[in-house]
Protein backbone atom coordinates (compact mmCIF):
# COMPACT_ATOMS: atom_id res chain seq x y z
CA UNK A 1 -13.05 -74.35 -9.18
CA UNK A 2 -9.80 -76.09 -8.43
CA UNK A 3 -8.02 -76.12 -5.08
CA UNK A 4 -4.84 -74.04 -5.00
CA UNK A 5 -1.97 -75.98 -3.46
CA UNK A 6 -0.16 -74.10 -0.71
CA UNK A 7 3.53 -74.31 0.15
CA UNK A 8 5.07 -76.65 1.34
CA UNK A 9 3.57 -79.11 -1.14
CA UNK A 10 5.99 -81.42 -2.93
CA UNK A 11 4.43 -80.78 -6.37
CA UNK A 12 5.43 -77.09 -6.12
CA UNK A 13 9.13 -77.95 -6.07
CA UNK A 14 9.46 -80.49 -8.84
CA UNK A 15 10.21 -80.36 -12.55
CA UNK A 16 6.89 -80.82 -14.37
CA UNK A 17 6.32 -83.27 -17.22
CA UNK A 18 5.79 -81.99 -20.77
CA UNK A 19 2.24 -82.19 -22.11
CA UNK A 20 1.83 -84.86 -24.78
CA UNK A 21 -1.99 -85.11 -25.02
CA UNK A 22 -3.74 -82.14 -26.60
CA UNK A 23 -7.39 -83.04 -26.05
CA UNK A 24 -10.66 -81.95 -24.42
CA UNK A 25 -9.27 -82.72 -20.96
CA UNK A 26 -6.46 -80.20 -21.50
CA UNK A 27 -8.94 -77.54 -22.60
CA UNK A 28 -11.15 -78.23 -19.58
CA UNK A 29 -8.15 -78.07 -17.24
CA UNK A 30 -7.00 -74.72 -18.69
CA UNK A 31 -10.52 -73.27 -18.43
CA UNK A 32 -10.79 -74.46 -14.80
CA UNK A 33 -7.32 -73.06 -14.01
CA UNK A 34 -8.29 -69.71 -15.54
CA UNK A 35 -11.54 -69.51 -13.55
CA UNK A 36 -9.68 -70.51 -10.36
CA UNK A 37 -7.00 -67.86 -11.00
CA UNK A 38 -9.62 -65.11 -11.49
CA UNK A 39 -11.58 -66.17 -8.41
CA UNK A 40 -8.35 -65.99 -6.35
CA UNK A 41 -7.58 -62.52 -7.77
CA UNK A 42 -4.39 -63.78 -9.44
CA UNK A 43 -2.71 -62.86 -12.72
CA UNK A 44 -1.20 -66.28 -13.40
CA UNK A 45 -1.60 -69.90 -12.38
CA UNK A 46 0.59 -72.91 -13.15
CA UNK A 47 -0.57 -76.54 -13.13
CA UNK A 48 1.57 -77.54 -10.11
CA UNK A 49 -0.32 -74.89 -8.12
CA UNK A 50 -3.44 -77.03 -8.56
CA UNK A 51 -1.56 -80.26 -7.87
CA UNK A 52 -0.88 -81.24 -11.50
CA UNK A 53 2.65 -82.16 -12.50
CA UNK A 54 2.48 -80.85 -16.10
CA UNK A 55 3.96 -77.91 -18.04
CA UNK A 56 0.77 -75.87 -18.25
CA UNK A 57 0.18 -72.26 -17.18
CA UNK A 58 -2.32 -69.50 -17.80
CA UNK A 59 -1.59 -65.77 -17.51
CA UNK A 60 -3.88 -62.73 -17.72
CA UNK A 61 -2.68 -59.44 -16.26
CA UNK A 62 -5.85 -57.63 -17.37
CA UNK A 63 -4.35 -55.84 -20.37
CA UNK A 64 -4.95 -56.02 -24.13
CA UNK A 65 -2.98 -59.30 -24.36
CA UNK A 66 -5.86 -61.00 -22.53
CA UNK A 67 -5.67 -64.65 -21.57
CA UNK A 68 -2.48 -66.47 -22.53
CA UNK A 69 -2.35 -70.27 -22.38
CA UNK A 70 1.20 -71.58 -22.11
CA UNK A 71 1.79 -75.28 -22.75
CA UNK A 72 5.36 -76.63 -22.65
CA UNK A 73 6.77 -73.07 -22.60
CA UNK A 74 10.47 -72.39 -23.09
CA UNK A 75 12.18 -69.04 -22.51
CA UNK A 76 14.30 -68.30 -25.60
CA UNK A 77 15.61 -64.85 -24.77
CA UNK A 78 15.60 -62.25 -22.00
CA UNK A 79 16.83 -58.65 -21.82
CA UNK A 80 17.05 -55.88 -19.30
CA UNK A 81 16.11 -55.92 -15.65
CA UNK A 82 13.16 -54.90 -13.48
CA UNK A 83 12.63 -55.16 -9.76
CA UNK A 84 9.15 -55.12 -8.27
CA UNK A 85 6.94 -56.72 -5.65
CA UNK A 86 5.62 -60.22 -6.30
CA UNK A 87 3.24 -62.48 -4.48
CA UNK A 88 2.04 -66.00 -5.22
CA UNK A 89 -1.30 -67.76 -4.79
CA UNK A 90 0.58 -70.70 -3.21
CA UNK A 91 2.03 -68.34 -0.55
CA UNK A 92 -1.00 -66.36 0.69
CA UNK A 93 -0.04 -63.11 2.40
CA UNK A 94 3.65 -63.37 1.48
CA UNK A 95 5.22 -60.67 -0.71
CA UNK A 96 8.73 -59.68 -1.66
CA UNK A 97 10.76 -57.70 -4.16
CA UNK A 98 12.09 -59.84 -7.01
CA UNK A 99 14.42 -58.87 -9.85
CA UNK A 100 13.63 -60.38 -13.27
CA UNK A 101 14.39 -59.60 -16.91
CA UNK A 102 12.31 -56.72 -18.35
CA UNK A 103 11.80 -58.50 -21.71
CA UNK A 104 11.12 -62.15 -22.46
CA UNK A 105 10.67 -64.16 -25.66
CA UNK A 106 8.90 -67.50 -25.20
CA UNK A 107 8.17 -70.49 -27.39
CA UNK A 108 5.10 -72.48 -26.31
CA UNK A 109 2.23 -74.58 -27.63
CA UNK A 110 -1.46 -73.77 -27.81
CA UNK A 111 -4.44 -76.02 -27.02
CA UNK A 112 -4.08 -77.81 -30.36
CA UNK A 113 -0.35 -78.42 -29.91
CA UNK A 114 0.68 -75.73 -32.42
CA UNK A 115 3.90 -73.90 -31.61
CA UNK A 116 3.76 -70.13 -31.17
CA UNK A 117 6.15 -67.40 -30.09
CA UNK A 118 5.38 -64.63 -27.66
CA UNK A 119 7.29 -61.50 -26.70
CA UNK A 120 6.44 -59.58 -23.54
CA UNK A 121 7.80 -56.70 -21.51
CA UNK A 122 7.42 -55.26 -18.03
CA UNK A 123 4.60 -56.69 -15.88
CA UNK A 124 3.46 -59.27 -18.46
CA UNK A 125 7.06 -60.52 -18.83
CA UNK A 126 7.29 -60.77 -15.02
CA UNK A 127 4.05 -62.77 -14.74
CA UNK A 128 5.06 -65.16 -17.56
CA UNK A 129 8.48 -65.78 -16.01
CA UNK A 130 6.92 -66.38 -12.57
CA UNK A 131 4.58 -69.04 -14.01
CA UNK A 132 7.28 -70.72 -16.13
CA UNK A 133 9.45 -70.91 -12.99
CA UNK A 134 6.64 -72.90 -11.33
CA UNK A 135 6.88 -75.50 -14.12
CA UNK A 136 10.51 -76.11 -13.13
CA UNK A 137 9.92 -76.23 -9.38
CA UNK A 138 11.36 -72.74 -8.87
CA UNK A 139 9.45 -70.67 -6.32
CA UNK A 140 9.52 -66.87 -6.16
CA UNK A 141 10.74 -67.14 -2.55
CA UNK A 142 14.10 -68.35 -3.89
CA UNK A 143 14.47 -65.02 -5.75
CA UNK A 144 13.20 -62.58 -3.13
CA UNK A 145 15.62 -59.72 -2.42
CA UNK A 146 13.55 -58.36 0.48
CA UNK A 147 10.27 -59.48 2.03
CA UNK A 148 7.52 -56.89 2.28
CA UNK A 149 4.96 -56.96 5.08
CA UNK A 150 1.31 -56.27 4.36
CA UNK A 151 1.40 -52.74 5.85
CA UNK A 152 4.29 -51.79 3.55
CA UNK A 153 2.40 -53.35 0.64
CA UNK A 154 -0.71 -51.24 1.32
CA UNK A 155 1.46 -48.10 1.33
CA UNK A 156 3.09 -49.23 -1.91
CA UNK A 157 -0.26 -49.81 -3.65
CA UNK A 158 -1.49 -46.38 -2.57
CA UNK A 159 1.34 -44.58 -4.43
């Protein structure tokens, strides 16, 4: 398990370096990030959230898409709009409504450095955009329209 970095940590607000080495260490890091994310009950985790200044993220919202490793991801296209509640493992107990594109098309690399393209909508698109933001030092708190307290959140989840 890796330690999740909490705000305010400098690494959370900086532009991350592109990955250049596609080796066993990268695979180990991604596996450890994935295990850490699941243990923390998250749906995404970016390398700066574990103190690593590299463009690496893992996403798994628990749907048929499964685990998605994103290395050096770039958003190519977005469409539409959705507004929903977000939280972040680096901001425990903090939630807010955030507006993001409904659809996203991303170019990224896999563990072997091969380029792939990914299209996502709705919740998966939201999670991917949240993690890619982390790789550029952008925190969800900079996009919050309205903060939600935990009582409101419990009512929201019960609907």
